[in-house]
Amino acid sequence: MKYKRKINTILLLLILILFITIISFSFAAFTTRIVNSETSSTLITGSGVMQITFEGGEHLNAPDIIPSNDPFVTKTFTLTGVNSTEEIMNYHLIL
C-alpha cells in the first residue's frame, strides 16, 4: 500500500510540474513587451521579390538517365532580387 501511495504522489508531482511548465511557456510565447518609447511609425516592415529566370524554360529535359555521380544535364539561370527595403536580402539556394 505504501508503494502505491508513493507512486501516486510522484505521478501527481510530475503532472503538476508539467502543467506549470506548459502554462509558463504559453504565457512567455504570447506575452509581448515594448521597451522604451516605441511608436507605430517606428515599427515598419517590408518585403522584396526574388525572381528566377531559367534559360530555355524552367523544366529539365533528361531522357534515359541513369544513377551517376557525373552531371547528366546543366541548366543556366539568372537569379534577380528586387529589394524594396534598405536591408540586405539573403537567400539560400538548394539544387
N, C-alpha and C. Protein backbone atom coordinates (compact mmCIF):
# COMPACT_ATOMS: atom_id res chain seq x y z
N MET A 1 0.81 -1.19 0.00
CA MET A 1 0.00 0.00 0.00
C MET A 1 0.86 1.26 0.00
N LYS A 2 1.96 1.24 0.75
CA LYS A 2 2.86 2.40 0.79
C LYS A 2 3.47 2.63 -0.59
N TYR A 3 3.80 1.55 -1.28
CA TYR A 3 4.41 1.65 -2.61
C TYR A 3 3.45 2.34 -3.59
N LYS A 4 2.18 1.95 -3.56
CA LYS A 4 1.19 2.54 -4.46
C LYS A 4 0.97 4.02 -4.13
N ARG A 5 0.96 4.36 -2.86
CA ARG A 5 0.79 5.77 -2.46
C ARG A 5 1.99 6.60 -2.91
N LYS A 6 3.20 6.03 -2.81
CA LYS A 6 4.41 6.73 -3.25
C LYS A 6 4.37 6.97 -4.76
N ILE A 7 3.96 5.98 -5.52
CA ILE A 7 3.85 6.11 -6.98
C ILE A 7 2.83 7.18 -7.33
N ASN A 8 1.69 7.19 -6.66
CA ASN A 8 0.65 8.20 -6.92
C ASN A 8 1.15 9.60 -6.60
N THR A 9 1.91 9.74 -5.52
CA THR A 9 2.47 11.05 -5.15
C THR A 9 3.45 11.53 -6.21
N ILE A 10 4.31 10.65 -6.68
CA ILE A 10 5.30 11.00 -7.71
C ILE A 10 4.58 11.39 -9.00
N LEU A 11 3.57 10.63 -9.40
CA LEU A 11 2.82 10.95 -10.61
C LEU A 11 2.11 12.30 -10.49
N LEU A 12 1.54 12.57 -9.34
CA LEU A 12 0.88 13.84 -9.12
C LEU A 12 1.86 15.00 -9.22
N LEU A 13 3.04 14.84 -8.63
CA LEU A 13 4.07 15.89 -8.71
C LEU A 13 4.53 16.10 -10.15
N LEU A 14 4.73 15.03 -10.89
CA LEU A 14 5.16 15.15 -12.29
C LEU A 14 4.10 15.85 -13.13
N ILE A 15 2.84 15.50 -12.92
CA ILE A 15 1.76 16.16 -13.67
C ILE A 15 1.69 17.63 -13.30
N LEU A 16 1.85 17.95 -12.03
CA LEU A 16 1.82 19.35 -11.59
C LEU A 16 2.98 20.14 -12.19
N ILE A 17 4.18 19.57 -12.20
CA ILE A 17 5.35 20.24 -12.79
C ILE A 17 5.14 20.43 -14.29
N LEU A 18 4.63 19.41 -14.97
CA LEU A 18 4.37 19.52 -16.40
C LEU A 18 3.34 20.60 -16.69
N PHE A 19 2.29 20.67 -15.91
CA PHE A 19 1.25 21.68 -16.08
C PHE A 19 1.82 23.08 -15.89
N ILE A 20 2.60 23.28 -14.85
CA ILE A 20 3.20 24.60 -14.59
C ILE A 20 4.15 24.98 -15.72
N THR A 21 4.92 24.03 -16.22
CA THR A 21 5.85 24.29 -17.32
C THR A 21 5.10 24.70 -18.59
N ILE A 22 4.05 23.99 -18.91
CA ILE A 22 3.27 24.31 -20.12
C ILE A 22 2.64 25.70 -20.01
N ILE A 23 2.07 26.01 -18.86
CA ILE A 23 1.47 27.33 -18.65
C ILE A 23 2.53 28.42 -18.75
N SER A 24 3.71 28.17 -18.19
CA SER A 24 4.79 29.17 -18.23
C SER A 24 5.24 29.44 -19.65
N PHE A 25 5.45 28.38 -20.45
CA PHE A 25 5.87 28.58 -21.83
C PHE A 25 4.78 29.25 -22.66
N SER A 26 3.53 28.90 -22.42
CA SER A 26 2.44 29.54 -23.15
C SER A 26 2.37 31.03 -22.82
N PHE A 27 2.52 31.37 -21.57
CA PHE A 27 2.49 32.78 -21.16
C PHE A 27 3.65 33.54 -21.79
N ALA A 28 4.85 32.92 -21.80
CA ALA A 28 6.02 33.58 -22.38
C ALA A 28 5.88 33.75 -23.89
N ALA A 29 5.25 32.80 -24.55
CA ALA A 29 5.12 32.87 -26.00
C ALA A 29 4.11 33.92 -26.44
N PHE A 30 3.10 34.17 -25.65
CA PHE A 30 2.04 35.09 -26.06
C PHE A 30 2.09 36.44 -25.37
N THR A 31 3.17 36.71 -24.66
CA THR A 31 3.31 37.99 -23.98
C THR A 31 4.35 38.82 -24.71
N THR A 32 4.00 40.04 -25.08
CA THR A 32 4.92 40.95 -25.76
C THR A 32 5.08 42.19 -24.92
N ARG A 33 6.31 42.68 -24.85
CA ARG A 33 6.57 43.89 -24.08
C ARG A 33 7.40 44.82 -24.95
N ILE A 34 6.92 46.03 -25.17
CA ILE A 34 7.66 47.02 -25.94
C ILE A 34 8.39 47.91 -24.96
N VAL A 35 9.71 48.00 -25.13
CA VAL A 35 10.56 48.76 -24.22
C VAL A 35 10.87 50.11 -24.85
N ASN A 36 11.12 51.11 -24.04
CA ASN A 36 11.43 52.48 -24.46
C ASN A 36 10.19 53.14 -25.05
N SER A 37 10.40 54.15 -25.85
CA SER A 37 9.26 54.92 -26.37
C SER A 37 9.01 54.59 -27.83
N GLU A 38 8.62 53.37 -28.09
CA GLU A 38 8.30 52.98 -29.46
C GLU A 38 6.95 53.58 -29.86
N THR A 39 6.85 53.97 -31.11
CA THR A 39 5.58 54.44 -31.64
C THR A 39 5.24 53.62 -32.86
N SER A 40 4.05 53.77 -33.36
CA SER A 40 3.64 52.98 -34.52
C SER A 40 4.47 53.30 -35.75
N SER A 41 5.03 54.50 -35.83
CA SER A 41 5.81 54.86 -37.02
C SER A 41 7.20 54.22 -37.01
N THR A 42 7.66 53.71 -35.86
CA THR A 42 8.98 53.08 -35.82
C THR A 42 8.92 51.58 -36.08
N LEU A 43 7.73 51.02 -36.11
CA LEU A 43 7.57 49.59 -36.38
C LEU A 43 7.20 49.42 -37.84
N ILE A 44 8.20 49.21 -38.68
CA ILE A 44 8.00 49.18 -40.12
C ILE A 44 8.41 47.80 -40.64
N THR A 45 7.65 47.28 -41.56
CA THR A 45 8.01 46.02 -42.20
C THR A 45 7.96 46.21 -43.71
N GLY A 46 8.71 45.41 -44.41
CA GLY A 46 8.74 45.49 -45.87
C GLY A 46 9.13 44.15 -46.45
N SER A 47 9.11 44.06 -47.75
CA SER A 47 9.47 42.81 -48.39
C SER A 47 10.09 43.09 -49.74
N GLY A 48 10.60 42.06 -50.34
CA GLY A 48 11.20 42.17 -51.66
C GLY A 48 10.69 41.04 -52.54
N VAL A 49 11.17 41.00 -53.76
CA VAL A 49 10.75 39.98 -54.71
C VAL A 49 12.00 39.28 -55.23
N MET A 50 11.96 37.96 -55.25
CA MET A 50 13.06 37.17 -55.80
C MET A 50 12.54 36.52 -57.08
N GLN A 51 13.21 36.78 -58.19
CA GLN A 51 12.77 36.24 -59.48
C GLN A 51 13.89 35.38 -60.05
N ILE A 52 13.53 34.18 -60.52
CA ILE A 52 14.49 33.28 -61.16
C ILE A 52 14.06 33.10 -62.61
N THR A 53 14.96 33.41 -63.53
CA THR A 53 14.70 33.24 -64.95
C THR A 53 15.59 32.12 -65.47
N PHE A 54 14.97 31.06 -65.98
CA PHE A 54 15.70 29.92 -66.50
C PHE A 54 15.86 30.05 -68.00
N GLU A 55 17.06 29.75 -68.47
CA GLU A 55 17.32 29.77 -69.91
C GLU A 55 16.68 28.54 -70.53
N GLY A 56 15.82 28.72 -71.51
CA GLY A 56 15.17 27.58 -72.17
C GLY A 56 13.99 27.03 -71.38
N GLY A 57 13.43 27.78 -70.46
CA GLY A 57 12.29 27.30 -69.66
C GLY A 57 12.74 26.77 -68.31
N GLU A 58 11.77 26.49 -67.47
CA GLU A 58 12.11 26.07 -66.12
C GLU A 58 12.17 24.55 -65.94
N HIS A 59 11.92 23.79 -66.98
CA HIS A 59 11.95 22.33 -66.88
C HIS A 59 13.27 21.77 -67.39
N LEU A 60 13.66 20.62 -66.84
CA LEU A 60 14.86 19.92 -67.31
C LEU A 60 14.42 18.79 -68.24
N ASN A 61 15.07 18.66 -69.38
CA ASN A 61 14.80 17.58 -70.31
C ASN A 61 15.97 16.61 -70.23
N ALA A 62 15.74 15.45 -69.60
CA ALA A 62 16.81 14.48 -69.42
C ALA A 62 16.27 13.07 -69.64
N PRO A 63 16.12 12.67 -70.92
CA PRO A 63 15.62 11.31 -71.18
C PRO A 63 16.71 10.27 -70.94
N ASP A 64 16.29 9.08 -70.57
CA ASP A 64 17.18 7.91 -70.40
C ASP A 64 18.32 8.19 -69.42
N ILE A 65 18.04 8.75 -68.27
CA ILE A 65 19.11 9.00 -67.30
C ILE A 65 19.32 7.76 -66.44
N ILE A 66 20.53 7.63 -65.93
CA ILE A 66 20.88 6.53 -65.03
C ILE A 66 21.57 7.12 -63.80
N PRO A 67 21.54 6.42 -62.67
CA PRO A 67 22.23 6.94 -61.48
C PRO A 67 23.73 7.08 -61.73
N SER A 68 24.28 8.23 -61.40
CA SER A 68 25.70 8.50 -61.62
C SER A 68 26.11 9.71 -60.79
N ASN A 69 27.39 9.81 -60.49
CA ASN A 69 27.92 10.99 -59.80
C ASN A 69 28.24 12.12 -60.77
N ASP A 70 28.26 11.82 -62.06
CA ASP A 70 28.55 12.83 -63.07
C ASP A 70 27.27 13.60 -63.41
N PRO A 71 27.38 14.91 -63.68
CA PRO A 71 26.18 15.66 -64.06
C PRO A 71 25.62 15.15 -65.39
N PHE A 72 24.31 14.99 -65.46
CA PHE A 72 23.69 14.49 -66.69
C PHE A 72 23.05 15.61 -67.49
N VAL A 73 22.88 16.79 -66.89
CA VAL A 73 22.34 17.93 -67.60
C VAL A 73 22.79 19.19 -66.85
N THR A 74 22.98 20.26 -67.59
CA THR A 74 23.29 21.55 -66.97
C THR A 74 22.21 22.55 -67.36
N LYS A 75 21.95 23.48 -66.48
CA LYS A 75 20.92 24.47 -66.71
C LYS A 75 21.46 25.83 -66.31
N THR A 76 21.35 26.80 -67.19
CA THR A 76 21.78 28.17 -66.91
C THR A 76 20.57 28.96 -66.44
N PHE A 77 20.74 29.69 -65.34
CA PHE A 77 19.63 30.51 -64.85
C PHE A 77 20.17 31.81 -64.29
N THR A 78 19.30 32.80 -64.22
CA THR A 78 19.63 34.11 -63.67
C THR A 78 18.76 34.34 -62.45
N LEU A 79 19.38 34.71 -61.35
CA LEU A 79 18.67 34.99 -60.11
C LEU A 79 18.69 36.49 -59.88
N THR A 80 17.52 37.11 -59.83
CA THR A 80 17.42 38.55 -59.66
C THR A 80 16.62 38.85 -58.40
N GLY A 81 17.20 39.62 -57.50
CA GLY A 81 16.50 40.03 -56.29
C GLY A 81 16.17 41.51 -56.35
N VAL A 82 14.90 41.85 -56.26
CA VAL A 82 14.47 43.24 -56.23
C VAL A 82 14.09 43.54 -54.79
N ASN A 83 14.92 44.31 -54.12
CA ASN A 83 14.72 44.60 -52.71
C ASN A 83 14.09 45.98 -52.56
N SER A 84 12.90 46.02 -52.00
CA SER A 84 12.21 47.29 -51.82
C SER A 84 12.50 47.91 -50.45
N THR A 85 13.45 47.35 -49.73
CA THR A 85 13.84 47.89 -48.42
C THR A 85 15.31 48.27 -48.46
N GLU A 86 15.80 48.83 -47.36
CA GLU A 86 17.22 49.17 -47.26
C GLU A 86 18.02 48.05 -46.63
N GLU A 87 17.37 46.94 -46.30
CA GLU A 87 18.03 45.82 -45.65
C GLU A 87 18.66 44.91 -46.71
N ILE A 88 19.60 44.10 -46.27
CA ILE A 88 20.23 43.12 -47.15
C ILE A 88 19.27 41.94 -47.30
N MET A 89 19.05 41.49 -48.55
CA MET A 89 18.17 40.36 -48.79
C MET A 89 19.03 39.11 -48.96
N ASN A 90 18.97 38.22 -47.98
CA ASN A 90 19.71 36.97 -48.05
C ASN A 90 18.84 35.91 -48.71
N TYR A 91 19.46 34.97 -49.38
CA TYR A 91 18.73 33.86 -49.96
C TYR A 91 19.57 32.61 -49.84
N HIS A 92 18.90 31.48 -49.84
CA HIS A 92 19.54 30.17 -49.73
C HIS A 92 19.04 29.34 -50.90
N LEU A 93 19.94 28.85 -51.73
CA LEU A 93 19.56 28.14 -52.94
C LEU A 93 20.01 26.70 -52.83
N ILE A 94 19.08 25.77 -52.96
CA ILE A 94 19.39 24.34 -52.94
C ILE A 94 18.95 23.76 -54.27
N LEU A 95 19.85 23.10 -54.94
CA LEU A 95 19.51 22.47 -56.22
C LEU A 95 19.54 20.97 -56.07
